[in-house]
Amino acid sequence: MKPFLTIVFILSSLSSTIRTEDYVKQWGDGIAVVQYNAVFNKTNSVKNLARISDARVFNAWIDEHPKLKEIGRIKSVPTVVLYKDGEEIRRWEAGISMKLELSYRDVQTYVDEMTGANQY
């Protein structure tokens, strides 16, 4: 049990030391789906985004990396943004309920349009 706790501690320490600029560079090339959210609202995260194919998927925690709120022009959480080569293509934002009625399949449809996967 002790080795497991040590690994968890090390991993959690590493995630908090990532610079915001490095975080953003990860989704700069190709197609990326970024879910901006805050830890206090984690239960309202869009589920199963990791199932999206042909795009890299990231969670951007704006309370851990406050600059992300400004970079992503985030007004509410969760917000899901689809990027291609760093350019915003589509955005879905939660309303006052802080919930987003969106499924990974909805996002996958846009990714498929961008990659041409929906042509077959």
PDB file of N, CA and C in Angstrom:
ATOM      1  N   MET A   1       0.828  -1.202   0.000  1.00  0.00           N
ATOM      2  CA  MET A   1       0.000   0.000   0.000  1.00  0.00           C
ATOM      3  C   MET A   1       0.869   1.261   0.000  1.00  0.00           C
ATOM      4  N   LYS A   2       1.959   1.223   0.740  1.00  0.00           N
ATOM      5  CA  LYS A   2       2.818   2.393   0.831  1.00  0.00           C
ATOM      6  C   LYS A   2       3.406   2.795  -0.520  1.00  0.00           C
ATOM      7  N   PRO A   3       3.904   1.822  -1.356  1.00  0.00           N
ATOM      8  CA  PRO A   3       4.403   2.221  -2.676  1.00  0.00           C
ATOM      9  C   PRO A   3       3.322   2.876  -3.540  1.00  0.00           C
ATOM     10  N   PHE A   4       2.095   2.380  -3.436  1.00  0.00           N
ATOM     11  CA  PHE A   4       0.991   2.958  -4.208  1.00  0.00           C
ATOM     12  C   PHE A   4       0.763   4.416  -3.803  1.00  0.00           C
ATOM     13  N   LEU A   5       0.728   4.689  -2.514  1.00  0.00           N
ATOM     14  CA  LEU A   5       0.522   6.064  -2.045  1.00  0.00           C
ATOM     15  C   LEU A   5       1.655   6.971  -2.484  1.00  0.00           C
ATOM     16  N   THR A   6       2.873   6.437  -2.497  1.00  0.00           N
ATOM     17  CA  THR A   6       4.019   7.225  -2.942  1.00  0.00           C
ATOM     18  C   THR A   6       3.867   7.595  -4.412  1.00  0.00           C
ATOM     19  N   ILE A   7       3.445   6.645  -5.234  1.00  0.00           N
ATOM     20  CA  ILE A   7       3.253   6.910  -6.661  1.00  0.00           C
ATOM     21  C   ILE A   7       2.147   7.940  -6.864  1.00  0.00           C
ATOM     22  N   VAL A   8       1.054   7.811  -6.147  1.00  0.00           N
ATOM     23  CA  VAL A   8      -0.047   8.770  -6.258  1.00  0.00           C
ATOM     24  C   VAL A   8       0.426  10.171  -5.876  1.00  0.00           C
ATOM     25  N   PHE A   9       1.199  10.268  -4.812  1.00  0.00           N
ATOM     26  CA  PHE A   9       1.709  11.567  -4.376  1.00  0.00           C
ATOM     27  C   PHE A   9       2.617  12.176  -5.438  1.00  0.00           C
ATOM     28  N   ILE A  10       3.510  11.371  -6.000  1.00  0.00           N
ATOM     29  CA  ILE A  10       4.432  11.872  -7.019  1.00  0.00           C
ATOM     30  C   ILE A  10       3.666  12.342  -8.242  1.00  0.00           C
ATOM     31  N   LEU A  11       2.692  11.548  -8.697  1.00  0.00           N
ATOM     32  CA  LEU A  11       1.908  11.937  -9.867  1.00  0.00           C
ATOM     33  C   LEU A  11       1.116  13.211  -9.623  1.00  0.00           C
ATOM     34  N   SER A  12       0.545  13.343  -8.440  1.00  0.00           N
ATOM     35  CA  SER A  12      -0.220  14.561  -8.154  1.00  0.00           C
ATOM     36  C   SER A  12       0.699  15.768  -8.069  1.00  0.00           C
ATOM     37  N   SER A  13       1.902  15.579  -7.586  1.00  0.00           N
ATOM     38  CA  SER A  13       2.869  16.671  -7.523  1.00  0.00           C
ATOM     39  C   SER A  13       3.291  17.099  -8.915  1.00  0.00           C
ATOM     40  N   LEU A  14       3.497  16.132  -9.802  1.00  0.00           N
ATOM     41  CA  LEU A  14       3.905  16.446 -11.164  1.00  0.00           C
ATOM     42  C   LEU A  14       2.843  17.233 -11.898  1.00  0.00           C
ATOM     43  N   SER A  15       1.591  16.850 -11.729  1.00  0.00           N
ATOM     44  CA  SER A  15       0.529  17.540 -12.462  1.00  0.00           C
ATOM     45  C   SER A  15       0.412  18.996 -12.038  1.00  0.00           C
ATOM     46  N   SER A  16       0.723  19.303 -10.804  1.00  0.00           N
ATOM     47  CA  SER A  16       0.594  20.685 -10.357  1.00  0.00           C
ATOM     48  C   SER A  16       1.792  21.539 -10.742  1.00  0.00           C
ATOM     49  N   THR A  17       2.888  20.910 -11.221  1.00  0.00           N
ATOM     50  CA  THR A  17       4.060  21.683 -11.591  1.00  0.00           C
ATOM     51  C   THR A  17       4.142  21.958 -13.083  1.00  0.00           C
ATOM     52  N   ILE A  18       3.186  21.473 -13.856  1.00  0.00           N
ATOM     53  CA  ILE A  18       3.179  21.730 -15.295  1.00  0.00           C
ATOM     54  C   ILE A  18       2.868  23.209 -15.521  1.00  0.00           C
ATOM     55  N   ARG A  19       3.683  23.847 -16.336  1.00  0.00           N
ATOM     56  CA  ARG A  19       3.434  25.251 -16.660  1.00  0.00           C
ATOM     57  C   ARG A  19       2.234  25.352 -17.599  1.00  0.00           C
ATOM     58  N   THR A  20       1.468  26.404 -17.437  1.00  0.00           N
ATOM     59  CA  THR A  20       0.277  26.600 -18.257  1.00  0.00           C
ATOM     60  C   THR A  20       0.631  26.629 -19.737  1.00  0.00           C
ATOM     61  N   GLU A  21       1.732  27.284 -20.099  1.00  0.00           N
ATOM     62  CA  GLU A  21       2.136  27.381 -21.496  1.00  0.00           C
ATOM     63  C   GLU A  21       2.404  26.000 -22.097  1.00  0.00           C
ATOM     64  N   ASP A  22       3.036  25.125 -21.315  1.00  0.00           N
ATOM     65  CA  ASP A  22       3.304  23.766 -21.792  1.00  0.00           C
ATOM     66  C   ASP A  22       2.002  22.992 -21.961  1.00  0.00           C
ATOM     67  N   TYR A  23       1.073  23.254 -21.068  1.00  0.00           N
ATOM     68  CA  TYR A  23      -0.235  22.600 -21.117  1.00  0.00           C
ATOM     69  C   TYR A  23      -0.931  22.941 -22.437  1.00  0.00           C
ATOM     70  N   VAL A  24      -0.928  24.210 -22.789  1.00  0.00           N
ATOM     71  CA  VAL A  24      -1.608  24.672 -23.998  1.00  0.00           C
ATOM     72  C   VAL A  24      -0.907  24.161 -25.254  1.00  0.00           C
ATOM     73  N   LYS A  25       0.411  24.090 -25.251  1.00  0.00           N
ATOM     74  CA  LYS A  25       1.152  23.603 -26.418  1.00  0.00           C
ATOM     75  C   LYS A  25       0.759  22.180 -26.780  1.00  0.00           C
ATOM     76  N   GLN A  26       0.342  21.394 -25.805  1.00  0.00           N
ATOM     77  CA  GLN A  26      -0.024  20.000 -26.050  1.00  0.00           C
ATOM     78  C   GLN A  26      -1.189  19.873 -27.013  1.00  0.00           C
ATOM     79  N   TRP A  27      -2.067  20.839 -27.045  1.00  0.00           N
ATOM     80  CA  TRP A  27      -3.218  20.723 -27.947  1.00  0.00           C
ATOM     81  C   TRP A  27      -3.116  21.677 -29.131  1.00  0.00           C
ATOM     82  N   GLY A  28      -1.919  22.174 -29.431  1.00  0.00           N
ATOM     83  CA  GLY A  28      -1.732  23.127 -30.515  1.00  0.00           C
ATOM     84  C   GLY A  28      -1.729  22.544 -31.912  1.00  0.00           C
ATOM     85  N   ASP A  29      -1.336  21.297 -32.085  1.00  0.00           N
ATOM     86  CA  ASP A  29      -1.251  20.695 -33.419  1.00  0.00           C
ATOM     87  C   ASP A  29      -2.338  19.650 -33.609  1.00  0.00           C
ATOM     88  N   GLY A  30      -2.898  19.625 -34.801  1.00  0.00           N
ATOM     89  CA  GLY A  30      -3.915  18.628 -35.105  1.00  0.00           C
ATOM     90  C   GLY A  30      -5.250  18.981 -34.475  1.00  0.00           C
ATOM     91  N   ILE A  31      -6.068  17.960 -34.281  1.00  0.00           N
ATOM     92  CA  ILE A  31      -7.409  18.148 -33.722  1.00  0.00           C
ATOM     93  C   ILE A  31      -7.361  17.834 -32.232  1.00  0.00           C
ATOM     94  N   ALA A  32      -7.896  18.741 -31.445  1.00  0.00           N
ATOM     95  CA  ALA A  32      -7.913  18.557 -29.991  1.00  0.00           C
ATOM     96  C   ALA A  32      -9.268  18.975 -29.439  1.00  0.00           C
ATOM     97  N   VAL A  33      -9.702  18.239 -28.437  1.00  0.00           N
ATOM     98  CA  VAL A  33     -10.918  18.555 -27.699  1.00  0.00           C
ATOM     99  C   VAL A  33     -10.476  18.872 -26.275  1.00  0.00           C
ATOM    100  N   VAL A  34     -10.834  20.062 -25.805  1.00  0.00           N
ATOM    101  CA  VAL A  34     -10.438  20.482 -24.462  1.00  0.00           C
ATOM    102  C   VAL A  34     -11.689  20.761 -23.641  1.00  0.00           C
ATOM    103  N   GLN A  35     -11.772  20.105 -22.506  1.00  0.00           N
ATOM    104  CA  GLN A  35     -12.861  20.365 -21.574  1.00  0.00           C
ATOM    105  C   GLN A  35     -12.311  21.227 -20.436  1.00  0.00           C
ATOM    106  N   TYR A  36     -12.785  22.451 -20.368  1.00  0.00           N
ATOM    107  CA  TYR A  36     -12.412  23.366 -19.289  1.00  0.00           C
ATOM    108  C   TYR A  36     -13.414  23.172 -18.165  1.00  0.00           C
ATOM    109  N   ASN A  37     -12.909  22.985 -16.962  1.00  0.00           N
ATOM    110  CA  ASN A  37     -13.787  22.815 -15.821  1.00  0.00           C
ATOM    111  C   ASN A  37     -13.025  23.210 -14.560  1.00  0.00           C
ATOM    112  N   ALA A  38     -13.705  23.144 -13.442  1.00  0.00           N
ATOM    113  CA  ALA A  38     -13.100  23.411 -12.139  1.00  0.00           C
ATOM    114  C   ALA A  38     -13.357  22.205 -11.252  1.00  0.00           C
ATOM    115  N   VAL A  39     -12.449  21.958 -10.335  1.00  0.00           N
ATOM    116  CA  VAL A  39     -12.557  20.784  -9.470  1.00  0.00           C
ATOM    117  C   VAL A  39     -13.886  20.766  -8.723  1.00  0.00           C
ATOM    118  N   PHE A  40     -14.354  21.925  -8.258  1.00  0.00           N
ATOM    119  CA  PHE A  40     -15.618  21.952  -7.510  1.00  0.00           C
ATOM    120  C   PHE A  40     -16.811  21.522  -8.355  1.00  0.00           C
ATOM    121  N   ASN A  41     -16.655  21.547  -9.676  1.00  0.00           N
ATOM    122  CA  ASN A  41     -17.740  21.199 -10.593  1.00  0.00           C
ATOM    123  C   ASN A  41     -17.450  19.893 -11.346  1.00  0.00           C
ATOM    124  N   LYS A  42     -16.528  19.132 -10.853  1.00  0.00           N
ATOM    125  CA  LYS A  42     -16.082  17.911 -11.533  1.00  0.00           C
ATOM    126  C   LYS A  42     -17.224  16.939 -11.836  1.00  0.00           C
ATOM    127  N   THR A  43     -18.200  16.869 -10.950  1.00  0.00           N
ATOM    128  CA  THR A  43     -19.318  15.943 -11.159  1.00  0.00           C
ATOM    129  C   THR A  43     -20.136  16.297 -12.406  1.00  0.00           C
ATOM    130  N   ASN A  44     -20.029  17.537 -12.870  1.00  0.00           N
ATOM    131  CA  ASN A  44     -20.762  17.960 -14.066  1.00  0.00           C
ATOM    132  C   ASN A  44     -19.913  17.901 -15.333  1.00  0.00           C
ATOM    133  N   SER A  45     -18.755  17.283 -15.256  1.00  0.00           N
ATOM    134  CA  SER A  45     -17.917  17.128 -16.452  1.00  0.00           C
ATOM    135  C   SER A  45     -18.651  16.295 -17.497  1.00  0.00           C
ATOM    136  N   VAL A  46     -18.384  16.586 -18.752  1.00  0.00           N
ATOM    137  CA  VAL A  46     -18.958  15.790 -19.830  1.00  0.00           C
ATOM    138  C   VAL A  46     -18.291  14.418 -19.780  1.00  0.00           C
ATOM    139  N   LYS A  47     -19.085  13.392 -19.738  1.00  0.00           N
ATOM    140  CA  LYS A  47     -18.584  12.024 -19.583  1.00  0.00           C
ATOM    141  C   LYS A  47     -18.113  11.437 -20.908  1.00  0.00           C
ATOM    142  N   ASN A  48     -17.149  10.558 -20.826  1.00  0.00           N
ATOM    143  CA  ASN A  48     -16.677   9.728 -21.938  1.00  0.00           C
ATOM    144  C   ASN A  48     -16.018  10.480 -23.083  1.00  0.00           C
ATOM    145  N   LEU A  49     -15.546  11.690 -22.870  1.00  0.00           N
ATOM    146  CA  LEU A  49     -14.856  12.386 -23.957  1.00  0.00           C
ATOM    147  C   LEU A  49     -13.621  11.620 -24.411  1.00  0.00           C
ATOM    148  N   ALA A  50     -13.027  10.845 -23.534  1.00  0.00           N
ATOM    149  CA  ALA A  50     -11.846  10.053 -23.890  1.00  0.00           C
ATOM    150  C   ALA A  50     -12.152   9.021 -24.974  1.00  0.00           C
ATOM    151  N   ARG A  51     -13.410   8.740 -25.206  1.00  0.00           N
ATOM    152  CA  ARG A  51     -13.811   7.778 -26.246  1.00  0.00           C
ATOM    153  C   ARG A  51     -13.760   8.381 -27.650  1.00  0.00           C
ATOM    154  N   ILE A  52     -13.557   9.673 -27.760  1.00  0.00           N
ATOM    155  CA  ILE A  52     -13.502  10.327 -29.064  1.00  0.00           C
ATOM    156  C   ILE A  52     -12.267   9.830 -29.815  1.00  0.00           C
ATOM    157  N   SER A  53     -12.461   9.470 -31.069  1.00  0.00           N
ATOM    158  CA  SER A  53     -11.334   9.007 -31.884  1.00  0.00           C
ATOM    159  C   SER A  53     -10.906  10.106 -32.856  1.00  0.00           C
ATOM    160  N   ASP A  54      -9.659  10.023 -33.296  1.00  0.00           N
ATOM    161  CA  ASP A  54      -9.070  10.952 -34.260  1.00  0.00           C
ATOM    162  C   ASP A  54      -8.896  12.364 -33.715  1.00  0.00           C
ATOM    163  N   ALA A  55      -8.855  12.496 -32.402  1.00  0.00           N
ATOM    164  CA  ALA A  55      -8.583  13.783 -31.753  1.00  0.00           C
ATOM    165  C   ALA A  55      -7.945  13.511 -30.395  1.00  0.00           C
ATOM    166  N   ARG A  56      -7.115  14.420 -29.976  1.00  0.00           N
ATOM    167  CA  ARG A  56      -6.559  14.313 -28.630  1.00  0.00           C
ATOM    168  C   ARG A  56      -7.513  15.025 -27.680  1.00  0.00           C
ATOM    169  N   VAL A  57      -7.725  14.451 -26.514  1.00  0.00           N
ATOM    170  CA  VAL A  57      -8.688  14.984 -25.550  1.00  0.00           C
ATOM    171  C   VAL A  57      -7.937  15.396 -24.287  1.00  0.00           C
ATOM    172  N   PHE A  58      -8.246  16.598 -23.798  1.00  0.00           N
ATOM    173  CA  PHE A  58      -7.590  17.130 -22.612  1.00  0.00           C
ATOM    174  C   PHE A  58      -8.624  17.678 -21.640  1.00  0.00           C
ATOM    175  N   ASN A  59      -8.325  17.591 -20.363  1.00  0.00           N
ATOM    176  CA  ASN A  59      -9.083  18.281 -19.320  1.00  0.00           C
ATOM    177  C   ASN A  59      -8.238  19.441 -18.848  1.00  0.00           C
ATOM    178  N   ALA A  60      -8.811  20.621 -18.845  1.00  0.00           N
ATOM    179  CA  ALA A  60      -8.115  21.826 -18.414  1.00  0.00           C
ATOM    180  C   ALA A  60      -8.791  22.334 -17.145  1.00  0.00           C
ATOM    181  N   TRP A  61      -8.118  22.178 -16.035  1.00  0.00           N
ATOM    182  CA  TRP A  61      -8.683  22.569 -14.736  1.00  0.00           C
ATOM    183  C   TRP A  61      -8.315  24.022 -14.455  1.00  0.00           C
ATOM    184  N   ILE A  62      -9.288  24.914 -14.596  1.00  0.00           N
ATOM    185  CA  ILE A  62      -8.999  26.344 -14.495  1.00  0.00           C
ATOM    186  C   ILE A  62      -8.682  26.801 -13.080  1.00  0.00           C
ATOM    187  N   ASP A  63      -9.054  26.022 -12.070  1.00  0.00           N
ATOM    188  CA  ASP A  63      -8.697  26.412 -10.714  1.00  0.00           C
ATOM    189  C   ASP A  63      -7.252  26.020 -10.390  1.00  0.00           C
ATOM    190  N   GLU A  64      -6.728  25.003 -11.061  1.00  0.00           N
ATOM    191  CA  GLU A  64      -5.336  24.608 -10.874  1.00  0.00           C
ATOM    192  C   GLU A  64      -4.404  25.413 -11.771  1.00  0.00           C
ATOM    193  N   HIS A  65      -4.906  25.863 -12.910  1.00  0.00           N
ATOM    194  CA  HIS A  65      -4.143  26.658 -13.875  1.00  0.00           C
ATOM    195  C   HIS A  65      -4.995  27.871 -14.258  1.00  0.00           C
ATOM    196  N   PRO A  66      -5.034  28.906 -13.425  1.00  0.00           N
ATOM    197  CA  PRO A  66      -5.927  30.051 -13.658  1.00  0.00           C
ATOM    198  C   PRO A  66      -5.743  30.755 -15.008  1.00  0.00           C
ATOM    199  N   LYS A  67      -4.553  30.717 -15.578  1.00  0.00           N
ATOM    200  CA  LYS A  67      -4.340  31.355 -16.882  1.00  0.00           C
ATOM    201  C   LYS A  67      -5.182  30.711 -17.977  1.00  0.00           C
ATOM    202  N   LEU A  68      -5.545  29.445 -17.781  1.00  0.00           N
ATOM    203  CA  LEU A  68      -6.345  28.751 -18.785  1.00  0.00           C
ATOM    204  C   LEU A  68      -7.709  29.409 -18.969  1.00  0.00           C
ATOM    205  N   LYS A  69      -8.235  29.990 -17.917  1.00  0.00           N
ATOM    206  CA  LYS A  69      -9.532  30.665 -18.011  1.00  0.00           C
ATOM    207  C   LYS A  69      -9.446  31.822 -19.007  1.00  0.00           C
ATOM    208  N   GLU A  70      -8.367  32.559 -18.930  1.00  0.00           N
ATOM    209  CA  GLU A  70      -8.164  33.686 -19.841  1.00  0.00           C
ATOM    210  C   GLU A  70      -7.828  33.202 -21.251  1.00  0.00           C
ATOM    211  N   ILE A  71      -6.933  32.241 -21.353  1.00  0.00           N
ATOM    212  CA  ILE A  71      -6.514  31.728 -22.653  1.00  0.00           C
ATOM    213  C   ILE A  71      -7.702  31.153 -23.419  1.00  0.00           C
ATOM    214  N   GLY A  72      -8.544  30.394 -22.720  1.00  0.00           N
ATOM    215  CA  GLY A  72      -9.698  29.771 -23.363  1.00  0.00           C
ATOM    216  C   GLY A  72     -10.935  30.638 -23.415  1.00  0.00           C
ATOM    217  N   ARG A  73     -10.839  31.875 -22.883  1.00  0.00           N
ATOM    218  CA  ARG A  73     -11.990  32.792 -22.820  1.00  0.00           C
ATOM    219  C   ARG A  73     -13.184  32.100 -22.173  1.00  0.00           C
ATOM    220  N   ILE A  74     -12.944  31.513 -21.006  1.00  0.00           N
ATOM    221  CA  ILE A  74     -13.957  30.722 -20.320  1.00  0.00           C
ATOM    222  C   ILE A  74     -14.842  31.616 -19.474  1.00  0.00           C
ATOM    223  N   LYS A  75     -16.152  31.511 -19.692  1.00  0.00           N
ATOM    224  CA  LYS A  75     -17.139  32.282 -18.944  1.00  0.00           C
ATOM    225  C   LYS A  75     -17.914  31.402 -17.976  1.00  0.00           C
ATOM    226  N   SER A  76     -18.015  30.107 -18.294  1.00  0.00           N
ATOM    227  CA  SER A  76     -18.735  29.170 -17.434  1.00  0.00           C
ATOM    228  C   SER A  76     -18.089  27.793 -17.570  1.00  0.00           C
ATOM    229  N   VAL A  77     -18.326  26.977 -16.571  1.00  0.00           N
ATOM    230  CA  VAL A  77     -17.795  25.611 -16.601  1.00  0.00           C
ATOM    231  C   VAL A  77     -18.937  24.625 -16.443  1.00  0.00           C
ATOM    232  N   PRO A  78     -18.861  23.488 -17.088  1.00  0.00           N
ATOM    233  CA  PRO A  78     -17.805  23.133 -18.041  1.00  0.00           C
ATOM    234  C   PRO A  78     -18.020  23.791 -19.399  1.00  0.00           C
ATOM    235  N   THR A  79     -16.920  23.953 -20.094  1.00  0.00           N
ATOM    236  CA  THR A  79     -16.917  24.408 -21.475  1.00  0.00           C
ATOM    237  C   THR A  79     -16.059  23.430 -22.257  1.00  0.00           C
ATOM    238  N   VAL A  80     -16.557  22.968 -23.386  1.00  0.00           N
ATOM    239  CA  VAL A  80     -15.800  22.068 -24.253  1.00  0.00           C
ATOM    240  C   VAL A  80     -15.507  22.827 -25.540  1.00  0.00           C
ATOM    241  N   VAL A  81     -14.218  22.808 -25.939  1.00  0.00           N
ATOM    242  CA  VAL A  81     -13.810  23.517 -27.147  1.00  0.00           C
ATOM    243  C   VAL A  81     -13.096  22.534 -28.080  1.00  0.00           C
ATOM    244  N   LEU A  82     -13.470  22.604 -29.343  1.00  0.00           N
ATOM    245  CA  LEU A  82     -12.831  21.810 -30.383  1.00  0.00           C
ATOM    246  C   LEU A  82     -11.855  22.709 -31.127  1.00  0.00           C
ATOM    247  N   TYR A  83     -10.587  22.285 -31.181  1.00  0.00           N
ATOM    248  CA  TYR A  83      -9.540  23.058 -31.849  1.00  0.00           C
ATOM    249  C   TYR A  83      -8.972  22.260 -33.016  1.00  0.00           C
ATOM    250  N   LYS A  84      -8.547  22.979 -34.041  1.00  0.00           N
ATOM    251  CA  LYS A  84      -7.753  22.371 -35.107  1.00  0.00           C
ATOM    252  C   LYS A  84      -6.534  23.259 -35.310  1.00  0.00           C
ATOM    253  N   ASP A  85      -5.365  22.666 -35.103  1.00  0.00           N
ATOM    254  CA  ASP A  85      -4.091  23.388 -35.201  1.00  0.00           C
ATOM    255  C   ASP A  85      -4.105  24.662 -34.351  1.00  0.00           C
ATOM    256  N   GLY A  86      -4.698  24.564 -33.173  1.00  0.00           N
ATOM    257  CA  GLY A  86      -4.717  25.680 -32.230  1.00  0.00           C
ATOM    258  C   GLY A  86      -5.824  26.694 -32.463  1.00  0.00           C
ATOM    259  N   GLU A  87      -6.578  26.551 -33.531  1.00  0.00           N
ATOM    260  CA  GLU A  87      -7.671  27.479 -33.846  1.00  0.00           C
ATOM    261  C   GLU A  87      -8.993  26.886 -33.379  1.00  0.00           C
ATOM    262  N   GLU A  88      -9.776  27.699 -32.685  1.00  0.00           N
ATOM    263  CA  GLU A  88     -11.074  27.232 -32.209  1.00  0.00           C
ATOM    264  C   GLU A  88     -12.022  27.004 -33.379  1.00  0.00           C
ATOM    265  N   ILE A  89     -12.640  25.820 -33.374  1.00  0.00           N
ATOM    266  CA  ILE A  89     -13.596  25.452 -34.419  1.00  0.00           C
ATOM    267  C   ILE A  89     -15.029  25.493 -33.887  1.00  0.00           C
ATOM    268  N   ARG A  90     -15.214  24.983 -32.672  1.00  0.00           N
ATOM    269  CA  ARG A  90     -16.564  24.885 -32.085  1.00  0.00           C
ATOM    270  C   ARG A  90     -16.453  24.951 -30.580  1.00  0.00           C
ATOM    271  N   ARG A  91     -17.456  25.534 -29.938  1.00  0.00           N
ATOM    272  CA  ARG A  91     -17.483  25.684 -28.475  1.00  0.00           C
ATOM    273  C   ARG A  91     -18.865  25.319 -27.954  1.00  0.00           C
ATOM    274  N   TRP A  92     -18.876  24.598 -26.823  1.00  0.00           N
ATOM    275  CA  TRP A  92     -20.105  24.283 -26.111  1.00  0.00           C
ATOM    276  C   TRP A  92     -19.924  24.781 -24.686  1.00  0.00           C
ATOM    277  N   GLU A  93     -20.857  25.618 -24.201  1.00  0.00           N
ATOM    278  CA  GLU A  93     -20.737  26.206 -22.868  1.00  0.00           C
ATOM    279  C   GLU A  93     -21.947  25.851 -22.004  1.00  0.00           C
ATOM    280  N   ALA A  94     -21.673  25.602 -20.736  1.00  0.00           N
ATOM    281  CA  ALA A  94     -22.751  25.336 -19.781  1.00  0.00           C
ATOM    282  C   ALA A  94     -23.491  26.632 -19.485  1.00  0.00           C
ATOM    283  N   GLY A  95     -24.719  26.472 -19.069  1.00  0.00           N
ATOM    284  CA  GLY A  95     -25.512  27.624 -18.666  1.00  0.00           C
ATOM    285  C   GLY A  95     -25.407  27.839 -17.163  1.00  0.00           C
ATOM    286  N   ILE A  96     -26.374  28.513 -16.614  1.00  0.00           N
ATOM    287  CA  ILE A  96     -26.367  28.851 -15.202  1.00  0.00           C
ATOM    288  C   ILE A  96     -26.406  27.611 -14.301  1.00  0.00           C
ATOM    289  N   SER A  97     -26.868  26.501 -14.838  1.00  0.00           N
ATOM    290  CA  SER A  97     -26.939  25.253 -14.060  1.00  0.00           C
ATOM    291  C   SER A  97     -25.569  24.610 -13.868  1.00  0.00           C
ATOM    292  N   MET A  98     -24.568  25.100 -14.597  1.00  0.00           N
ATOM    293  CA  MET A  98     -23.208  24.556 -14.561  1.00  0.00           C
ATOM    294  C   MET A  98     -23.173  23.105 -15.040  1.00  0.00           C
ATOM    295  N   LYS A  99     -24.113  22.761 -15.905  1.00  0.00           N
ATOM    296  CA  LYS A  99     -24.154  21.448 -16.537  1.00  0.00           C
ATOM    297  C   LYS A  99     -24.186  21.664 -18.040  1.00  0.00           C
ATOM    298  N   LEU A 100     -23.592  20.744 -18.747  1.00  0.00           N
ATOM    299  CA  LEU A 100     -23.543  20.841 -20.196  1.00  0.00           C
ATOM    300  C   LEU A 100     -24.220  19.618 -20.790  1.00  0.00           C
ATOM    301  N   GLU A 101     -25.300  19.846 -21.515  1.00  0.00           N
ATOM    302  CA  GLU A 101     -26.029  18.751 -22.149  1.00  0.00           C
ATOM    303  C   GLU A 101     -25.321  18.415 -23.458  1.00  0.00           C
ATOM    304  N   LEU A 102     -24.307  17.578 -23.359  1.00  0.00           N
ATOM    305  CA  LEU A 102     -23.475  17.236 -24.496  1.00  0.00           C
ATOM    306  C   LEU A 102     -22.948  15.824 -24.289  1.00  0.00           C
ATOM    307  N   SER A 103     -22.914  15.044 -25.352  1.00  0.00           N
ATOM    308  CA  SER A 103     -22.333  13.711 -25.255  1.00  0.00           C
ATOM    309  C   SER A 103     -21.066  13.667 -26.102  1.00  0.00           C
ATOM    310  N   TYR A 104     -20.235  12.688 -25.834  1.00  0.00           N
ATOM    311  CA  TYR A 104     -19.018  12.556 -26.637  1.00  0.00           C
ATOM    312  C   TYR A 104     -19.377  12.311 -28.106  1.00  0.00           C
ATOM    313  N   ARG A 105     -20.514  11.698 -28.358  1.00  0.00           N
ATOM    314  CA  ARG A 105     -20.934  11.434 -29.744  1.00  0.00           C
ATOM    315  C   ARG A 105     -21.215  12.738 -30.502  1.00  0.00           C
ATOM    316  N   ASP A 106     -21.761  13.725 -29.791  1.00  0.00           N
ATOM    317  CA  ASP A 106     -21.995  15.035 -30.418  1.00  0.00           C
ATOM    318  C   ASP A 106     -20.680  15.634 -30.901  1.00  0.00           C
ATOM    319  N   VAL A 107     -19.676  15.562 -30.055  1.00  0.00           N
ATOM    320  CA  VAL A 107     -18.355  16.099 -30.403  1.00  0.00           C
ATOM    321  C   VAL A 107     -17.725  15.253 -31.506  1.00  0.00           C
ATOM    322  N   GLN A 108     -17.884  13.942 -31.413  1.00  0.00           N
ATOM    323  CA  GLN A 108     -17.316  13.041 -32.416  1.00  0.00           C
ATOM    324  C   GLN A 108     -17.840  13.365 -33.808  1.00  0.00           C
ATOM    325  N   THR A 109     -19.094  13.776 -33.910  1.00  0.00           N
ATOM    326  CA  THR A 109     -19.674  14.151 -35.202  1.00  0.00           C
ATOM    327  C   THR A 109     -18.876  15.275 -35.850  1.00  0.00           C
ATOM    328  N   TYR A 110     -18.503  16.283 -35.068  1.00  0.00           N
ATOM    329  CA  TYR A 110     -17.711  17.398 -35.594  1.00  0.00           C
ATOM    330  C   TYR A 110     -16.303  16.949 -35.965  1.00  0.00           C
ATOM    331  N   VAL A 111     -15.717  16.095 -35.146  1.00  0.00           N
ATOM    332  CA  VAL A 111     -14.372  15.563 -35.444  1.00  0.00           C
ATOM    333  C   VAL A 111     -14.425  14.783 -36.756  1.00  0.00           C
ATOM    334  N   ASP A 112     -15.453  13.962 -36.928  1.00  0.00           N
ATOM    335  CA  ASP A 112     -15.593  13.172 -38.157  1.00  0.00           C
ATOM    336  C   ASP A 112     -15.722  14.062 -39.387  1.00  0.00           C
ATOM    337  N   GLU A 113     -16.436  15.165 -39.259  1.00  0.00           N
ATOM    338  CA  GLU A 113     -16.566  16.109 -40.367  1.00  0.00           C
ATOM    339  C   GLU A 113     -15.202  16.703 -40.735  1.00  0.00           C
ATOM    340  N   MET A 114     -14.407  16.987 -39.717  1.00  0.00           N
ATOM    341  CA  MET A 114     -13.091  17.588 -39.943  1.00  0.00           C
ATOM    342  C   MET A 114     -12.106  16.607 -40.562  1.00  0.00           C
ATOM    343  N   THR A 115     -12.204  15.347 -40.213  1.00  0.00           N
ATOM    344  CA  THR A 115     -11.261  14.343 -40.716  1.00  0.00           C
ATOM    345  C   THR A 115     -11.747  13.668 -41.980  1.00  0.00           C
ATOM    346  N   GLY A 116     -13.020  13.847 -42.314  1.00  0.00           N
ATOM    347  CA  GLY A 116     -13.596  13.185 -43.476  1.00  0.00           C
ATOM    348  C   GLY A 116     -14.066  11.769 -43.166  1.00  0.00           C
ATOM    349  N   ALA A 117     -14.033  11.375 -41.907  1.00  0.00           N
ATOM    350  CA  ALA A 117     -14.451  10.011 -41.517  1.00  0.00           C
ATOM    351  C   ALA A 117     -15.939   9.785 -41.750  1.00  0.00           C
ATOM    352  N   ASN A 118     -16.711  10.828 -41.822  1.00  0.00           N
ATOM    353  CA  ASN A 118     -18.162  10.655 -42.023  1.00  0.00           C
ATOM    354  C   ASN A 118     -18.521  10.459 -43.496  1.00  0.00           C
ATOM    355  N   GLN A 119     -17.542  10.433 -44.376  1.00  0.00           N
ATOM    356  CA  GLN A 119     -17.812  10.276 -45.803  1.00  0.00           C
ATOM    357  C   GLN A 119     -17.915   8.824 -46.218  1.00  0.00           C
ATOM    358  N   TYR A 120     -17.673   7.909 -45.305  1.00  0.00           N
ATOM    359  CA  TYR A 120     -17.663   6.483 -45.658  1.00  0.00           C
ATOM    360  C   TYR A 120     -18.765   5.732 -44.991  1.00  0.00           C
TER     361      TYR A 120
END
